[in-house]
Structures are given as structure tokens and as C-alpha cells.
């Protein structure tokens, strides 16, 4: 699924999205997208969005899940 990151600066074709706690920032939760193109010298993960609470991040993850389950084509824009 193609996703536009929260900062609106990148489009990525993700194969997996995961929730992680974010300790180093004022935002306490992040969604991390994994994409297929990776190599030994390049990470295949990117921050899709940052959220103030775990609940906000999980709500966004649920919205992405709903878009996937409906079979929506096109680009999902992270809030």
C-alpha cells in the first residue's frame, strides 16, 4: 500500500507498519513503515507518523487497517 508520511514529504510503498514507543521525543508513539527496497548499507524503515499518545497512534494504525481491508487503491495520507 502506498502511504504519504505525516510530514507530507515522502510517498512509500509499505509492506508492514508497526507501532513503537518513542522515548527520545515529546511525541510518545510512532508508526514505522517497512518497505521492500533495502540493502546492507540502507535501512528499510521510515517513520510514517509521530503521535502524542499510544491511543492516537493505534487509532491511526486502525484507520490504515480499515483502508487495506476495504481494498482501497491509491495513496493513504497519514494524519
C-alpha atoms as a PDB file:
ATOM      1  CA  UNK A   1       0.000   0.000   0.000  1.00  0.00           C
ATOM      2  CA  UNK A   2       1.252   3.454  -0.842  1.00  0.00           C
ATOM      3  CA  UNK A   3       1.335   5.829   2.120  1.00  0.00           C
ATOM      4  CA  UNK A   4       2.134   9.527   2.304  1.00  0.00           C
ATOM      5  CA  UNK A   5       4.032  10.258   5.510  1.00  0.00           C
ATOM      6  CA  UNK A   6       2.696  12.602   8.144  1.00  0.00           C
ATOM      7  CA  UNK A   7       5.220  15.287   7.179  1.00  0.00           C
ATOM      8  CA  UNK A   8       3.840  15.058   3.594  1.00  0.00           C
ATOM      9  CA  UNK A   9       7.368  14.891   2.152  1.00  0.00           C
ATOM     10  CA  UNK A  10       7.508  11.215   1.200  1.00  0.00           C
ATOM     11  CA  UNK A  11       5.450   8.545  -0.516  1.00  0.00           C
ATOM     12  CA  UNK A  12       6.401   4.994   0.371  1.00  0.00           C
ATOM     13  CA  UNK A  13       5.134   1.626  -0.733  1.00  0.00           C
ATOM     14  CA  UNK A  14       4.996  -0.143   2.627  1.00  0.00           C
ATOM     15  CA  UNK A  15       4.861  -3.860   3.235  1.00  0.00           C
ATOM     16  CA  UNK A  16       4.497  -3.579   7.011  1.00  0.00           C
ATOM     17  CA  UNK A  17       3.602  -0.928   9.601  1.00  0.00           C
ATOM     18  CA  UNK A  18       4.366  -1.264  13.282  1.00  0.00           C
ATOM     19  CA  UNK A  19       3.786   0.706  16.457  1.00  0.00           C
ATOM     20  CA  UNK A  20       6.740   1.687  18.638  1.00  0.00           C
ATOM     21  CA  UNK A  21       7.163   3.736  21.775  1.00  0.00           C
ATOM     22  CA  UNK A  22       9.249   6.849  21.198  1.00  0.00           C
ATOM     23  CA  UNK A  23      11.291   7.819  24.238  1.00  0.00           C
ATOM     24  CA  UNK A  24      13.603  10.422  22.687  1.00  0.00           C
ATOM     25  CA  UNK A  25      10.902  12.870  21.609  1.00  0.00           C
ATOM     26  CA  UNK A  26       7.972  14.835  23.024  1.00  0.00           C
ATOM     27  CA  UNK A  27       5.759  12.545  20.936  1.00  0.00           C
ATOM     28  CA  UNK A  28       5.425   9.276  22.807  1.00  0.00           C
ATOM     29  CA  UNK A  29       4.462   6.960  19.946  1.00  0.00           C
ATOM     30  CA  UNK A  30       5.425   6.408  16.321  1.00  0.00           C
ATOM     31  CA  UNK A  31       4.282   4.319  13.412  1.00  0.00           C
ATOM     32  CA  UNK A  32       7.177   2.790  11.492  1.00  0.00           C
ATOM     33  CA  UNK A  33       6.781   1.702   7.884  1.00  0.00           C
ATOM     34  CA  UNK A  34       8.918  -1.010   6.349  1.00  0.00           C
ATOM     35  CA  UNK A  35       9.434  -1.048   2.613  1.00  0.00           C
ATOM     36  CA  UNK A  36      10.913  -3.747   0.407  1.00  0.00           C
ATOM     37  CA  UNK A  37      13.901  -1.918  -1.067  1.00  0.00           C
ATOM     38  CA  UNK A  38      16.722  -2.330   1.396  1.00  0.00           C
ATOM     39  CA  UNK A  39      20.365  -3.190   1.353  1.00  0.00           C
ATOM     40  CA  UNK A  40      23.187  -3.801   3.765  1.00  0.00           C
ATOM     41  CA  UNK A  41      24.007  -0.084   3.802  1.00  0.00           C
ATOM     42  CA  UNK A  42      20.480   1.310   3.849  1.00  0.00           C
ATOM     43  CA  UNK A  43      17.680   0.899   6.366  1.00  0.00           C
ATOM     44  CA  UNK A  44      14.352  -0.243   5.018  1.00  0.00           C
ATOM     45  CA  UNK A  45      12.302   1.549   7.689  1.00  0.00           C
ATOM     46  CA  UNK A  46      10.893   5.058   7.945  1.00  0.00           C
ATOM     47  CA  UNK A  47       8.817   6.995  10.457  1.00  0.00           C
ATOM     48  CA  UNK A  48       5.349   7.252   8.950  1.00  0.00           C
ATOM     49  CA  UNK A  49       3.891   9.384  11.752  1.00  0.00           C
ATOM     50  CA  UNK A  50       4.505  10.616  15.302  1.00  0.00           C
ATOM     51  CA  UNK A  51       1.761  10.886  17.927  1.00  0.00           C
ATOM     52  CA  UNK A  52       1.412  12.344  21.413  1.00  0.00           C
ATOM     53  CA  UNK A  53      -0.209   9.217  22.824  1.00  0.00           C
ATOM     54  CA  UNK A  54      -0.265   5.494  22.245  1.00  0.00           C
ATOM     55  CA  UNK A  55      -4.014   5.702  21.654  1.00  0.00           C
ATOM     56  CA  UNK A  56      -3.624   8.248  18.815  1.00  0.00           C
ATOM     57  CA  UNK A  57      -1.021   6.060  17.111  1.00  0.00           C
ATOM     58  CA  UNK A  58      -3.147   2.948  17.435  1.00  0.00           C
ATOM     59  CA  UNK A  59      -6.204   4.813  16.096  1.00  0.00           C
ATOM     60  CA  UNK A  60      -4.213   5.796  13.000  1.00  0.00           C
ATOM     61  CA  UNK A  61      -2.995   2.214  12.620  1.00  0.00           C
ATOM     62  CA  UNK A  62      -6.636   1.079  12.769  1.00  0.00           C
ATOM     63  CA  UNK A  63      -7.548   3.604  10.047  1.00  0.00           C
ATOM     64  CA  UNK A  64      -4.776   2.222   7.832  1.00  0.00           C
ATOM     65  CA  UNK A  65      -6.015  -1.312   8.524  1.00  0.00           C
ATOM     66  CA  UNK A  66      -9.542  -0.307   7.514  1.00  0.00           C
ATOM     67  CA  UNK A  67      -8.290   1.192   4.241  1.00  0.00           C
ATOM     68  CA  UNK A  68      -6.418  -2.031   3.478  1.00  0.00           C
ATOM     69  CA  UNK A  69      -9.384  -4.258   4.355  1.00  0.00           C
ATOM     70  CA  UNK A  70     -11.661  -2.231   2.052  1.00  0.00           C
ATOM     71  CA  UNK A  71      -9.183  -2.859  -0.746  1.00  0.00           C
ATOM     72  CA  UNK A  72      -8.656   0.842  -1.328  1.00  0.00           C
ATOM     73  CA  UNK A  73      -6.251   1.575  -4.122  1.00  0.00           C
ATOM     74  CA  UNK A  74      -4.282   4.782  -4.358  1.00  0.00           C
ATOM     75  CA  UNK A  75      -2.448   6.596  -1.580  1.00  0.00           C
ATOM     76  CA  UNK A  76      -3.321   6.712   2.123  1.00  0.00           C
ATOM     77  CA  UNK A  77      -2.348  10.028   3.716  1.00  0.00           C
ATOM     78  CA  UNK A  78      -1.306   9.683   7.366  1.00  0.00           C
ATOM     79  CA  UNK A  79      -2.903  12.138   9.785  1.00  0.00           C
END
